[in-house]
Amino acid sequence: MKNLFFLFLLLGACSDMFPAEISPAEIKKNNLILDVRTPAEHEELALIQEHWFVPLDQLEPTSFIREHHLDGSKPLYILCRSGKRAEIAAQKFKQAGLKKVAVIRGGIIAAEKMGLPIKK
């Protein structure tokens, strides 16, 4: 009985697993990306590929999920300057019920260093 309980616990944990972060090199053209930097930062440097922009201090995950019809079938990747604000945003989305959320490791700084198309 004890082993069965452990197995259910393990299976439950595995079913909810999703990478907490991805490398900028893993970004694909059709990914859902949210940039949570400030307007000045976004104006200075931004991904060329399609993405949403909502500064972290204005982000309301529940409204965002509803407005953009996010049903959790596709992951949401969150970008900031280096990763700290993206982690905060990811936690907010997870608390709002969106489970497939990941931070783009190293943020826009890493994306630029890896040669991703950036608008300056």
PDB file of N, CA and C in Angstrom:
ATOM      1  N   MET A   1       0.830  -1.201   0.000  1.00  0.00           N
ATOM      2  CA  MET A   1       0.000   0.000   0.000  1.00  0.00           C
ATOM      3  C   MET A   1       0.873   1.263   0.000  1.00  0.00           C
ATOM      4  N   LYS A   2       1.939   1.226   0.765  1.00  0.00           N
ATOM      5  CA  LYS A   2       2.844   2.368   0.849  1.00  0.00           C
ATOM      6  C   LYS A   2       3.479   2.649  -0.525  1.00  0.00           C
ATOM      7  N   ASN A   3       3.865   1.569  -1.242  1.00  0.00           N
ATOM      8  CA  ASN A   3       4.464   1.727  -2.575  1.00  0.00           C
ATOM      9  C   ASN A   3       3.461   2.292  -3.574  1.00  0.00           C
ATOM     10  N   LEU A   4       2.212   1.885  -3.452  1.00  0.00           N
ATOM     11  CA  LEU A   4       1.167   2.376  -4.334  1.00  0.00           C
ATOM     12  C   LEU A   4       0.950   3.873  -4.127  1.00  0.00           C
ATOM     13  N   PHE A   5       0.945   4.312  -2.884  1.00  0.00           N
ATOM     14  CA  PHE A   5       0.802   5.725  -2.563  1.00  0.00           C
ATOM     15  C   PHE A   5       1.958   6.519  -3.177  1.00  0.00           C
ATOM     16  N   PHE A   6       3.176   5.998  -3.038  1.00  0.00           N
ATOM     17  CA  PHE A   6       4.346   6.663  -3.593  1.00  0.00           C
ATOM     18  C   PHE A   6       4.243   6.764  -5.116  1.00  0.00           C
ATOM     19  N   LEU A   7       3.771   5.713  -5.760  1.00  0.00           N
ATOM     20  CA  LEU A   7       3.610   5.709  -7.211  1.00  0.00           C
ATOM     21  C   LEU A   7       2.611   6.778  -7.658  1.00  0.00           C
ATOM     22  N   PHE A   8       1.478   6.889  -6.976  1.00  0.00           N
ATOM     23  CA  PHE A   8       0.490   7.925  -7.320  1.00  0.00           C
ATOM     24  C   PHE A   8       1.059   9.323  -7.115  1.00  0.00           C
ATOM     25  N   LEU A   9       1.826   9.486  -6.049  1.00  0.00           N
ATOM     26  CA  LEU A   9       2.453  10.769  -5.770  1.00  0.00           C
ATOM     27  C   LEU A   9       3.437  11.126  -6.887  1.00  0.00           C
ATOM     28  N   LEU A  10       4.233  10.163  -7.304  1.00  0.00           N
ATOM     29  CA  LEU A  10       5.207  10.371  -8.364  1.00  0.00           C
ATOM     30  C   LEU A  10       4.516  10.664  -9.696  1.00  0.00           C
ATOM     31  N   LEU A  11       3.487   9.916 -10.028  1.00  0.00           N
ATOM     32  CA  LEU A  11       2.758  10.150 -11.282  1.00  0.00           C
ATOM     33  C   LEU A  11       2.097  11.515 -11.295  1.00  0.00           C
ATOM     34  N   GLY A  12       1.560  11.925 -10.190  1.00  0.00           N
ATOM     35  CA  GLY A  12       0.942  13.250 -10.099  1.00  0.00           C
ATOM     36  C   GLY A  12       1.956  14.347 -10.312  1.00  0.00           C
ATOM     37  N   ALA A  13       3.139  14.181  -9.749  1.00  0.00           N
ATOM     38  CA  ALA A  13       4.196  15.181  -9.915  1.00  0.00           C
ATOM     39  C   ALA A  13       4.664  15.226 -11.363  1.00  0.00           C
ATOM     40  N   CYS A  14       4.791  14.070 -12.002  1.00  0.00           N
ATOM     41  CA  CYS A  14       5.275  14.024 -13.386  1.00  0.00           C
ATOM     42  C   CYS A  14       4.270  14.617 -14.358  1.00  0.00           C
ATOM     43  N   SER A  15       2.998  14.443 -14.106  1.00  0.00           N
ATOM     44  CA  SER A  15       1.993  14.952 -15.035  1.00  0.00           C
ATOM     45  C   SER A  15       1.938  16.472 -15.050  1.00  0.00           C
ATOM     46  N   ASP A  16       2.443  17.091 -13.993  1.00  0.00           N
ATOM     47  CA  ASP A  16       2.415  18.544 -13.899  1.00  0.00           C
ATOM     48  C   ASP A  16       3.767  19.156 -14.273  1.00  0.00           C
ATOM     49  N   MET A  17       4.690  18.317 -14.737  1.00  0.00           N
ATOM     50  CA  MET A  17       6.033  18.815 -15.029  1.00  0.00           C
ATOM     51  C   MET A  17       6.048  19.591 -16.334  1.00  0.00           C
ATOM     52  N   PHE A  18       6.697  20.712 -16.305  1.00  0.00           N
ATOM     53  CA  PHE A  18       6.915  21.523 -17.484  1.00  0.00           C
ATOM     54  C   PHE A  18       8.193  22.290 -17.212  1.00  0.00           C
ATOM     55  N   PRO A  19       9.066  22.452 -18.187  1.00  0.00           N
ATOM     56  CA  PRO A  19      10.330  23.139 -17.894  1.00  0.00           C
ATOM     57  C   PRO A  19      10.085  24.550 -17.378  1.00  0.00           C
ATOM     58  N   ALA A  20      10.807  24.910 -16.341  1.00  0.00           N
ATOM     59  CA  ALA A  20      10.659  26.230 -15.751  1.00  0.00           C
ATOM     60  C   ALA A  20      11.263  27.306 -16.642  1.00  0.00           C
ATOM     61  N   GLU A  21      12.194  26.886 -17.503  1.00  0.00           N
ATOM     62  CA  GLU A  21      12.820  27.853 -18.399  1.00  0.00           C
ATOM     63  C   GLU A  21      13.295  27.159 -19.672  1.00  0.00           C
ATOM     64  N   ILE A  22      13.475  27.990 -20.709  1.00  0.00           N
ATOM     65  CA  ILE A  22      14.029  27.488 -21.965  1.00  0.00           C
ATOM     66  C   ILE A  22      15.145  28.431 -22.391  1.00  0.00           C
ATOM     67  N   SER A  23      16.002  27.948 -23.228  1.00  0.00           N
ATOM     68  CA  SER A  23      17.066  28.763 -23.793  1.00  0.00           C
ATOM     69  C   SER A  23      16.486  29.601 -24.929  1.00  0.00           C
ATOM     70  N   PRO A  24      17.015  30.797 -25.151  1.00  0.00           N
ATOM     71  CA  PRO A  24      16.552  31.575 -26.300  1.00  0.00           C
ATOM     72  C   PRO A  24      16.711  30.806 -27.613  1.00  0.00           C
ATOM     73  N   ALA A  25      17.683  29.901 -27.674  1.00  0.00           N
ATOM     74  CA  ALA A  25      17.903  29.106 -28.886  1.00  0.00           C
ATOM     75  C   ALA A  25      16.733  28.166 -29.168  1.00  0.00           C
ATOM     76  N   GLU A  26      15.916  27.870 -28.152  1.00  0.00           N
ATOM     77  CA  GLU A  26      14.776  26.966 -28.313  1.00  0.00           C
ATOM     78  C   GLU A  26      13.514  27.674 -28.794  1.00  0.00           C
ATOM     79  N   ILE A  27      13.551  28.986 -28.901  1.00  0.00           N
ATOM     80  CA  ILE A  27      12.384  29.747 -29.336  1.00  0.00           C
ATOM     81  C   ILE A  27      12.080  29.427 -30.793  1.00  0.00           C
ATOM     82  N   LYS A  28      10.825  29.137 -31.039  1.00  0.00           N
ATOM     83  CA  LYS A  28      10.381  28.827 -32.397  1.00  0.00           C
ATOM     84  C   LYS A  28       9.434  29.932 -32.879  1.00  0.00           C
ATOM     85  N   LYS A  29       9.226  29.993 -34.178  1.00  0.00           N
ATOM     86  CA  LYS A  29       8.431  31.061 -34.786  1.00  0.00           C
ATOM     87  C   LYS A  29       7.003  31.138 -34.249  1.00  0.00           C
ATOM     88  N   ASN A  30       6.372  30.004 -33.969  1.00  0.00           N
ATOM     89  CA  ASN A  30       4.966  30.022 -33.561  1.00  0.00           C
ATOM     90  C   ASN A  30       4.767  29.992 -32.042  1.00  0.00           C
ATOM     91  N   ASN A  31       5.837  30.188 -31.269  1.00  0.00           N
ATOM     92  CA  ASN A  31       5.699  30.208 -29.810  1.00  0.00           C
ATOM     93  C   ASN A  31       4.917  31.430 -29.344  1.00  0.00           C
ATOM     94  N   LEU A  32       4.197  31.249 -28.253  1.00  0.00           N
ATOM     95  CA  LEU A  32       3.506  32.362 -27.607  1.00  0.00           C
ATOM     96  C   LEU A  32       4.499  33.004 -26.644  1.00  0.00           C
ATOM     97  N   ILE A  33       4.844  34.255 -26.892  1.00  0.00           N
ATOM     98  CA  ILE A  33       5.857  34.942 -26.087  1.00  0.00           C
ATOM     99  C   ILE A  33       5.267  36.221 -25.518  1.00  0.00           C
ATOM    100  N   LEU A  34       5.548  36.436 -24.238  1.00  0.00           N
ATOM    101  CA  LEU A  34       5.129  37.656 -23.559  1.00  0.00           C
ATOM    102  C   LEU A  34       6.370  38.359 -23.016  1.00  0.00           C
ATOM    103  N   ASP A  35       6.554  39.608 -23.391  1.00  0.00           N
ATOM    104  CA  ASP A  35       7.653  40.438 -22.912  1.00  0.00           C
ATOM    105  C   ASP A  35       7.110  41.306 -21.777  1.00  0.00           C
ATOM    106  N   VAL A  36       7.740  41.232 -20.595  1.00  0.00           N
ATOM    107  CA  VAL A  36       7.228  41.966 -19.425  1.00  0.00           C
ATOM    108  C   VAL A  36       8.155  43.109 -18.993  1.00  0.00           C
ATOM    109  N   ARG A  37       8.995  43.582 -19.900  1.00  0.00           N
ATOM    110  CA  ARG A  37       9.897  44.686 -19.563  1.00  0.00           C
ATOM    111  C   ARG A  37       9.160  46.027 -19.583  1.00  0.00           C
ATOM    112  N   THR A  38       9.867  47.078 -19.273  1.00  0.00           N
ATOM    113  CA  THR A  38       9.266  48.416 -19.291  1.00  0.00           C
ATOM    114  C   THR A  38       9.114  48.895 -20.735  1.00  0.00           C
ATOM    115  N   PRO A  39       8.251  49.888 -20.959  1.00  0.00           N
ATOM    116  CA  PRO A  39       8.116  50.431 -22.319  1.00  0.00           C
ATOM    117  C   PRO A  39       9.445  50.939 -22.897  1.00  0.00           C
ATOM    118  N   ALA A  40      10.252  51.613 -22.080  1.00  0.00           N
ATOM    119  CA  ALA A  40      11.539  52.132 -22.560  1.00  0.00           C
ATOM    120  C   ALA A  40      12.465  50.990 -22.990  1.00  0.00           C
ATOM    121  N   GLU A  41      12.496  49.917 -22.208  1.00  0.00           N
ATOM    122  CA  GLU A  41      13.334  48.770 -22.554  1.00  0.00           C
ATOM    123  C   GLU A  41      12.857  48.119 -23.850  1.00  0.00           C
ATOM    124  N   HIS A  42      11.542  47.984 -23.982  1.00  0.00           N
ATOM    125  CA  HIS A  42      10.974  47.340 -25.165  1.00  0.00           C
ATOM    126  C   HIS A  42      11.212  48.191 -26.406  1.00  0.00           C
ATOM    127  N   GLU A  43      11.142  49.500 -26.257  1.00  0.00           N
ATOM    128  CA  GLU A  43      11.384  50.413 -27.376  1.00  0.00           C
ATOM    129  C   GLU A  43      12.844  50.325 -27.837  1.00  0.00           C
ATOM    130  N   GLU A  44      13.744  50.175 -26.881  1.00  0.00           N
ATOM    131  CA  GLU A  44      15.176  50.124 -27.181  1.00  0.00           C
ATOM    132  C   GLU A  44      15.594  48.823 -27.872  1.00  0.00           C
ATOM    133  N   LEU A  45      14.995  47.711 -27.424  1.00  0.00           N
ATOM    134  CA  LEU A  45      15.412  46.388 -27.896  1.00  0.00           C
ATOM    135  C   LEU A  45      14.225  45.444 -27.793  1.00  0.00           C
ATOM    136  N   ALA A  46      13.866  44.767 -28.889  1.00  0.00           N
ATOM    137  CA  ALA A  46      12.722  43.850 -28.843  1.00  0.00           C
ATOM    138  C   ALA A  46      12.910  42.717 -29.844  1.00  0.00           C
ATOM    139  N   LEU A  47      12.285  41.591 -29.560  1.00  0.00           N
ATOM    140  CA  LEU A  47      12.281  40.492 -30.518  1.00  0.00           C
ATOM    141  C   LEU A  47      11.550  40.944 -31.770  1.00  0.00           C
ATOM    142  N   ILE A  48      12.038  40.539 -32.907  1.00  0.00           N
ATOM    143  CA  ILE A  48      11.349  40.862 -34.157  1.00  0.00           C
ATOM    144  C   ILE A  48      10.133  39.963 -34.321  1.00  0.00           C
ATOM    145  N   GLN A  49      10.234  38.722 -33.859  1.00  0.00           N
ATOM    146  CA  GLN A  49       9.100  37.818 -34.024  1.00  0.00           C
ATOM    147  C   GLN A  49       7.905  38.272 -33.194  1.00  0.00           C
ATOM    148  N   GLU A  50       6.740  37.839 -33.614  1.00  0.00           N
ATOM    149  CA  GLU A  50       5.496  38.235 -32.969  1.00  0.00           C
ATOM    150  C   GLU A  50       5.525  37.881 -31.474  1.00  0.00           C
ATOM    151  N   HIS A  51       5.099  38.829 -30.665  1.00  0.00           N
ATOM    152  CA  HIS A  51       5.018  38.613 -29.220  1.00  0.00           C
ATOM    153  C   HIS A  51       4.087  39.660 -28.622  1.00  0.00           C
ATOM    154  N   TRP A  52       3.637  39.375 -27.400  1.00  0.00           N
ATOM    155  CA  TRP A  52       2.846  40.350 -26.663  1.00  0.00           C
ATOM    156  C   TRP A  52       3.786  41.145 -25.777  1.00  0.00           C
ATOM    157  N   PHE A  53       3.385  42.365 -25.482  1.00  0.00           N
ATOM    158  CA  PHE A  53       4.162  43.218 -24.580  1.00  0.00           C
ATOM    159  C   PHE A  53       3.238  43.791 -23.519  1.00  0.00           C
ATOM    160  N   VAL A  54       3.486  43.430 -22.268  1.00  0.00           N
ATOM    161  CA  VAL A  54       2.755  43.979 -21.129  1.00  0.00           C
ATOM    162  C   VAL A  54       3.761  44.141 -19.993  1.00  0.00           C
ATOM    163  N   PRO A  55       4.060  45.374 -19.594  1.00  0.00           N
ATOM    164  CA  PRO A  55       5.000  45.561 -18.488  1.00  0.00           C
ATOM    165  C   PRO A  55       4.526  44.805 -17.238  1.00  0.00           C
ATOM    166  N   LEU A  56       5.482  44.265 -16.500  1.00  0.00           N
ATOM    167  CA  LEU A  56       5.163  43.458 -15.331  1.00  0.00           C
ATOM    168  C   LEU A  56       4.247  44.193 -14.363  1.00  0.00           C
ATOM    169  N   ASP A  57       4.481  45.483 -14.161  1.00  0.00           N
ATOM    170  CA  ASP A  57       3.654  46.222 -13.188  1.00  0.00           C
ATOM    171  C   ASP A  57       2.213  46.441 -13.666  1.00  0.00           C
ATOM    172  N   GLN A  58       1.925  46.121 -14.924  1.00  0.00           N
ATOM    173  CA  GLN A  58       0.567  46.237 -15.457  1.00  0.00           C
ATOM    174  C   GLN A  58      -0.069  44.876 -15.749  1.00  0.00           C
ATOM    175  N   LEU A  59       0.675  43.812 -15.497  1.00  0.00           N
ATOM    176  CA  LEU A  59       0.231  42.466 -15.846  1.00  0.00           C
ATOM    177  C   LEU A  59      -0.827  41.935 -14.879  1.00  0.00           C
ATOM    178  N   GLU A  60      -1.942  41.516 -15.447  1.00  0.00           N
ATOM    179  CA  GLU A  60      -3.005  40.839 -14.709  1.00  0.00           C
ATOM    180  C   GLU A  60      -3.240  39.514 -15.417  1.00  0.00           C
ATOM    181  N   PRO A  61      -2.583  38.439 -14.953  1.00  0.00           N
ATOM    182  CA  PRO A  61      -2.615  37.152 -15.661  1.00  0.00           C
ATOM    183  C   PRO A  61      -4.013  36.615 -15.971  1.00  0.00           C
ATOM    184  N   THR A  62      -4.936  36.703 -15.041  1.00  0.00           N
ATOM    185  CA  THR A  62      -6.276  36.169 -15.293  1.00  0.00           C
ATOM    186  C   THR A  62      -6.924  36.876 -16.476  1.00  0.00           C
ATOM    187  N   SER A  63      -6.828  38.184 -16.511  1.00  0.00           N
ATOM    188  CA  SER A  63      -7.381  38.959 -17.630  1.00  0.00           C
ATOM    189  C   SER A  63      -6.644  38.654 -18.924  1.00  0.00           C
ATOM    190  N   PHE A  64      -5.324  38.524 -18.839  1.00  0.00           N
ATOM    191  CA  PHE A  64      -4.513  38.233 -20.015  1.00  0.00           C
ATOM    192  C   PHE A  64      -4.898  36.876 -20.605  1.00  0.00           C
ATOM    193  N   ILE A  65      -5.048  35.875 -19.754  1.00  0.00           N
ATOM    194  CA  ILE A  65      -5.437  34.530 -20.185  1.00  0.00           C
ATOM    195  C   ILE A  65      -6.783  34.583 -20.905  1.00  0.00           C
ATOM    196  N   ARG A  66      -7.728  35.275 -20.309  1.00  0.00           N
ATOM    197  CA  ARG A  66      -9.068  35.386 -20.886  1.00  0.00           C
ATOM    198  C   ARG A  66      -9.035  36.167 -22.204  1.00  0.00           C
ATOM    199  N   GLU A  67      -8.363  37.312 -22.202  1.00  0.00           N
ATOM    200  CA  GLU A  67      -8.329  38.187 -23.380  1.00  0.00           C
ATOM    201  C   GLU A  67      -7.690  37.507 -24.592  1.00  0.00           C
ATOM    202  N   HIS A  68      -6.669  36.693 -24.348  1.00  0.00           N
ATOM    203  CA  HIS A  68      -5.946  36.060 -25.454  1.00  0.00           C
ATOM    204  C   HIS A  68      -6.334  34.593 -25.656  1.00  0.00           C
ATOM    205  N   HIS A  69      -7.399  34.188 -24.976  1.00  0.00           N
ATOM    206  CA  HIS A  69      -7.963  32.836 -25.134  1.00  0.00           C
ATOM    207  C   HIS A  69      -6.911  31.739 -24.939  1.00  0.00           C
ATOM    208  N   LEU A  70      -6.101  31.885 -23.901  1.00  0.00           N
ATOM    209  CA  LEU A  70      -5.084  30.882 -23.611  1.00  0.00           C
ATOM    210  C   LEU A  70      -5.749  29.728 -22.863  1.00  0.00           C
ATOM    211  N   ASP A  71      -5.719  28.554 -23.474  1.00  0.00           N
ATOM    212  CA  ASP A  71      -6.383  27.400 -22.863  1.00  0.00           C
ATOM    213  C   ASP A  71      -5.384  26.407 -22.267  1.00  0.00           C
ATOM    214  N   GLY A  72      -4.102  26.740 -22.322  1.00  0.00           N
ATOM    215  CA  GLY A  72      -3.089  25.872 -21.746  1.00  0.00           C
ATOM    216  C   GLY A  72      -2.580  24.810 -22.703  1.00  0.00           C
ATOM    217  N   SER A  73      -3.115  24.749 -23.917  1.00  0.00           N
ATOM    218  CA  SER A  73      -2.663  23.737 -24.862  1.00  0.00           C
ATOM    219  C   SER A  73      -1.279  24.079 -25.435  1.00  0.00           C
ATOM    220  N   LYS A  74      -0.964  25.370 -25.490  1.00  0.00           N
ATOM    221  CA  LYS A  74       0.352  25.807 -25.955  1.00  0.00           C
ATOM    222  C   LYS A  74       1.054  26.524 -24.809  1.00  0.00           C
ATOM    223  N   PRO A  75       2.345  26.315 -24.659  1.00  0.00           N
ATOM    224  CA  PRO A  75       3.073  26.989 -23.589  1.00  0.00           C
ATOM    225  C   PRO A  75       3.205  28.493 -23.831  1.00  0.00           C
ATOM    226  N   LEU A  76       3.305  29.214 -22.744  1.00  0.00           N
ATOM    227  CA  LEU A  76       3.564  30.650 -22.788  1.00  0.00           C
ATOM    228  C   LEU A  76       4.986  30.861 -22.308  1.00  0.00           C
ATOM    229  N   TYR A  77       5.795  31.517 -23.128  1.00  0.00           N
ATOM    230  CA  TYR A  77       7.184  31.801 -22.786  1.00  0.00           C
ATOM    231  C   TYR A  77       7.300  33.276 -22.424  1.00  0.00           C
ATOM    232  N   ILE A  78       7.943  33.540 -21.288  1.00  0.00           N
ATOM    233  CA  ILE A  78       7.997  34.909 -20.778  1.00  0.00           C
ATOM    234  C   ILE A  78       9.420  35.438 -20.843  1.00  0.00           C
ATOM    235  N   LEU A  79       9.526  36.678 -21.325  1.00  0.00           N
ATOM    236  CA  LEU A  79      10.808  37.326 -21.574  1.00  0.00           C
ATOM    237  C   LEU A  79      10.899  38.629 -20.785  1.00  0.00           C
ATOM    238  N   CYS A  80      12.071  38.888 -20.238  1.00  0.00           N
ATOM    239  CA  CYS A  80      12.358  40.205 -19.662  1.00  0.00           C
ATOM    240  C   CYS A  80      13.806  40.540 -20.028  1.00  0.00           C
ATOM    241  N   ARG A  81      14.449  41.368 -19.272  1.00  0.00           N
ATOM    242  CA  ARG A  81      15.820  41.758 -19.611  1.00  0.00           C
ATOM    243  C   ARG A  81      16.797  40.613 -19.370  1.00  0.00           C
ATOM    244  N   SER A  82      16.732  40.017 -18.161  1.00  0.00           N
ATOM    245  CA  SER A  82      17.690  38.956 -17.837  1.00  0.00           C
ATOM    246  C   SER A  82      17.039  37.714 -17.235  1.00  0.00           C
ATOM    247  N   GLY A  83      15.784  37.804 -16.821  1.00  0.00           N
ATOM    248  CA  GLY A  83      15.088  36.627 -16.307  1.00  0.00           C
ATOM    249  C   GLY A  83      14.347  36.811 -14.996  1.00  0.00           C
ATOM    250  N   LYS A  84      14.709  37.789 -14.195  1.00  0.00           N
ATOM    251  CA  LYS A  84      14.109  37.968 -12.867  1.00  0.00           C
ATOM    252  C   LYS A  84      12.622  38.318 -12.932  1.00  0.00           C
ATOM    253  N   ARG A  85      12.274  39.333 -13.715  1.00  0.00           N
ATOM    254  CA  ARG A  85      10.864  39.729 -13.825  1.00  0.00           C
ATOM    255  C   ARG A  85      10.040  38.653 -14.521  1.00  0.00           C
ATOM    256  N   ALA A  86      10.656  37.948 -15.448  1.00  0.00           N
ATOM    257  CA  ALA A  86       9.947  36.858 -16.123  1.00  0.00           C
ATOM    258  C   ALA A  86       9.584  35.760 -15.122  1.00  0.00           C
ATOM    259  N   GLU A  87      10.449  35.486 -14.160  1.00  0.00           N
ATOM    260  CA  GLU A  87      10.157  34.493 -13.128  1.00  0.00           C
ATOM    261  C   GLU A  87       8.951  34.923 -12.295  1.00  0.00           C
ATOM    262  N   ILE A  88       8.895  36.182 -11.955  1.00  0.00           N
ATOM    263  CA  ILE A  88       7.761  36.712 -11.176  1.00  0.00           C
ATOM    264  C   ILE A  88       6.473  36.564 -11.987  1.00  0.00           C
ATOM    265  N   ALA A  89       6.525  36.937 -13.265  1.00  0.00           N
ATOM    266  CA  ALA A  89       5.348  36.826 -14.136  1.00  0.00           C
ATOM    267  C   ALA A  89       4.922  35.367 -14.280  1.00  0.00           C
ATOM    268  N   ALA A  90       5.882  34.464 -14.439  1.00  0.00           N
ATOM    269  CA  ALA A  90       5.565  33.041 -14.590  1.00  0.00           C
ATOM    270  C   ALA A  90       4.834  32.522 -13.352  1.00  0.00           C
ATOM    271  N   GLN A  91       5.284  32.921 -12.188  1.00  0.00           N
ATOM    272  CA  GLN A  91       4.606  32.504 -10.949  1.00  0.00           C
ATOM    273  C   GLN A  91       3.173  33.027 -10.906  1.00  0.00           C
ATOM    274  N   LYS A  92       2.985  34.259 -11.344  1.00  0.00           N
ATOM    275  CA  LYS A  92       1.639  34.834 -11.372  1.00  0.00           C
ATOM    276  C   LYS A  92       0.719  34.039 -12.306  1.00  0.00           C
ATOM    277  N   PHE A  93       1.236  33.650 -13.468  1.00  0.00           N
ATOM    278  CA  PHE A  93       0.434  32.862 -14.401  1.00  0.00           C
ATOM    279  C   PHE A  93       0.112  31.489 -13.829  1.00  0.00           C
ATOM    280  N   LYS A  94       1.081  30.876 -13.169  1.00  0.00           N
ATOM    281  CA  LYS A  94       0.838  29.563 -12.564  1.00  0.00           C
ATOM    282  C   LYS A  94      -0.222  29.667 -11.474  1.00  0.00           C
ATOM    283  N   GLN A  95      -0.170  30.723 -10.678  1.00  0.00           N
ATOM    284  CA  GLN A  95      -1.181  30.937  -9.636  1.00  0.00           C
ATOM    285  C   GLN A  95      -2.559  31.175 -10.254  1.00  0.00           C
ATOM    286  N   ALA A  96      -2.576  31.727 -11.471  1.00  0.00           N
ATOM    287  CA  ALA A  96      -3.842  31.973 -12.173  1.00  0.00           C
ATOM    288  C   ALA A  96      -4.349  30.719 -12.882  1.00  0.00           C
ATOM    289  N   GLY A  97      -3.588  29.629 -12.811  1.00  0.00           N
ATOM    290  CA  GLY A  97      -4.039  28.362 -13.364  1.00  0.00           C
ATOM    291  C   GLY A  97      -3.397  27.930 -14.672  1.00  0.00           C
ATOM    292  N   LEU A  98      -2.522  28.746 -15.249  1.00  0.00           N
ATOM    293  CA  LEU A  98      -1.841  28.371 -16.484  1.00  0.00           C
ATOM    294  C   LEU A  98      -0.584  27.591 -16.109  1.00  0.00           C
ATOM    295  N   LYS A  99      -0.541  26.326 -16.456  1.00  0.00           N
ATOM    296  CA  LYS A  99       0.549  25.450 -16.009  1.00  0.00           C
ATOM    297  C   LYS A  99       1.753  25.430 -16.951  1.00  0.00           C
ATOM    298  N   LYS A 100       1.515  25.575 -18.243  1.00  0.00           N
ATOM    299  CA  LYS A 100       2.608  25.524 -19.210  1.00  0.00           C
ATOM    300  C   LYS A 100       3.170  26.925 -19.413  1.00  0.00           C
ATOM    301  N   VAL A 101       4.028  27.330 -18.480  1.00  0.00           N
ATOM    302  CA  VAL A 101       4.649  28.647 -18.511  1.00  0.00           C
ATOM    303  C   VAL A 101       6.142  28.448 -18.285  1.00  0.00           C
ATOM    304  N   ALA A 102       6.965  29.103 -19.098  1.00  0.00           N
ATOM    305  CA  ALA A 102       8.409  28.998 -18.935  1.00  0.00           C
ATOM    306  C   ALA A 102       9.067  30.358 -19.163  1.00  0.00           C
ATOM    307  N   VAL A 103      10.158  30.562 -18.462  1.00  0.00           N
ATOM    308  CA  VAL A 103      10.954  31.779 -18.581  1.00  0.00           C
ATOM    309  C   VAL A 103      11.986  31.566 -19.683  1.00  0.00           C
ATOM    310  N   ILE A 104      12.210  32.576 -20.496  1.00  0.00           N
ATOM    311  CA  ILE A 104      13.274  32.512 -21.502  1.00  0.00           C
ATOM    312  C   ILE A 104      14.561  32.891 -20.776  1.00  0.00           C
ATOM    313  N   ARG A 105      15.402  31.884 -20.563  1.00  0.00           N
ATOM    314  CA  ARG A 105      16.622  32.013 -19.756  1.00  0.00           C
ATOM    315  C   ARG A 105      17.535  33.107 -20.296  1.00  0.00           C
ATOM    316  N   GLY A 106      17.910  34.027 -19.424  1.00  0.00           N
ATOM    317  CA  GLY A 106      18.828  35.097 -19.808  1.00  0.00           C
ATOM    318  C   GLY A 106      18.165  36.273 -20.480  1.00  0.00           C
ATOM    319  N   GLY A 107      16.865  36.159 -20.751  1.00  0.00           N
ATOM    320  CA  GLY A 107      16.095  37.258 -21.300  1.00  0.00           C
ATOM    321  C   GLY A 107      16.574  37.772 -22.649  1.00  0.00           C
ATOM    322  N   ILE A 108      16.251  39.026 -22.896  1.00  0.00           N
ATOM    323  CA  ILE A 108      16.571  39.653 -24.184  1.00  0.00           C
ATOM    324  C   ILE A 108      18.085  39.768 -24.361  1.00  0.00           C
ATOM    325  N   ILE A 109      18.817  39.869 -23.245  1.00  0.00           N
ATOM    326  CA  ILE A 109      20.284  39.947 -23.319  1.00  0.00           C
ATOM    327  C   ILE A 109      20.832  38.673 -23.959  1.00  0.00           C
ATOM    328  N   ALA A 110      20.393  37.526 -23.450  1.00  0.00           N
ATOM    329  CA  ALA A 110      20.847  36.238 -23.991  1.00  0.00           C
ATOM    330  C   ALA A 110      20.352  36.037 -25.419  1.00  0.00           C
ATOM    331  N   ALA A 111      19.125  36.463 -25.695  1.00  0.00           N
ATOM    332  CA  ALA A 111      18.573  36.315 -27.045  1.00  0.00           C
ATOM    333  C   ALA A 111      19.422  37.082 -28.059  1.00  0.00           C
ATOM    334  N   GLU A 112      19.820  38.279 -27.691  1.00  0.00           N
ATOM    335  CA  GLU A 112      20.648  39.087 -28.591  1.00  0.00           C
ATOM    336  C   GLU A 112      22.024  38.441 -28.784  1.00  0.00           C
ATOM    337  N   LYS A 113      22.619  37.956 -27.694  1.00  0.00           N
ATOM    338  CA  LYS A 113      23.941  37.306 -27.789  1.00  0.00           C
ATOM    339  C   LYS A 113      23.897  36.049 -28.650  1.00  0.00           C
ATOM    340  N   MET A 114      22.738  35.353 -28.658  1.00  0.00           N
ATOM    341  CA  MET A 114      22.610  34.131 -29.451  1.00  0.00           C
ATOM    342  C   MET A 114      22.244  34.418 -30.902  1.00  0.00           C
ATOM    343  N   GLY A 115      22.082  35.679 -31.231  1.00  0.00           N
ATOM    344  CA  GLY A 115      21.832  36.041 -32.616  1.00  0.00           C
ATOM    345  C   GLY A 115      20.380  35.990 -33.051  1.00  0.00           C
ATOM    346  N   LEU A 116      19.441  35.943 -32.102  1.00  0.00           N
ATOM    347  CA  LEU A 116      18.036  35.981 -32.492  1.00  0.00           C
ATOM    348  C   LEU A 116      17.724  37.325 -33.134  1.00  0.00           C
ATOM    349  N   PRO A 117      16.780  37.369 -34.064  1.00  0.00           N
ATOM    350  CA  PRO A 117      16.438  38.638 -34.718  1.00  0.00           C
ATOM    351  C   PRO A 117      15.890  39.643 -33.701  1.00  0.00           C
ATOM    352  N   ILE A 118      16.585  40.751 -33.553  1.00  0.00           N
ATOM    353  CA  ILE A 118      16.254  41.781 -32.574  1.00  0.00           C
ATOM    354  C   ILE A 118      16.077  43.111 -33.285  1.00  0.00           C
ATOM    355  N   LYS A 119      15.050  43.848 -32.871  1.00  0.00           N
ATOM    356  CA  LYS A 119      14.822  45.205 -33.398  1.00  0.00           C
ATOM    357  C   LYS A 119      15.455  46.172 -32.413  1.00  0.00           C
ATOM    358  N   LYS A 120      16.290  47.061 -32.943  1.00  0.00           N
ATOM    359  CA  LYS A 120      16.960  48.061 -32.081  1.00  0.00           C
ATOM    360  C   LYS A 120      16.438  49.433 -32.405  1.00  0.00           C
TER     361      LYS A 120
END
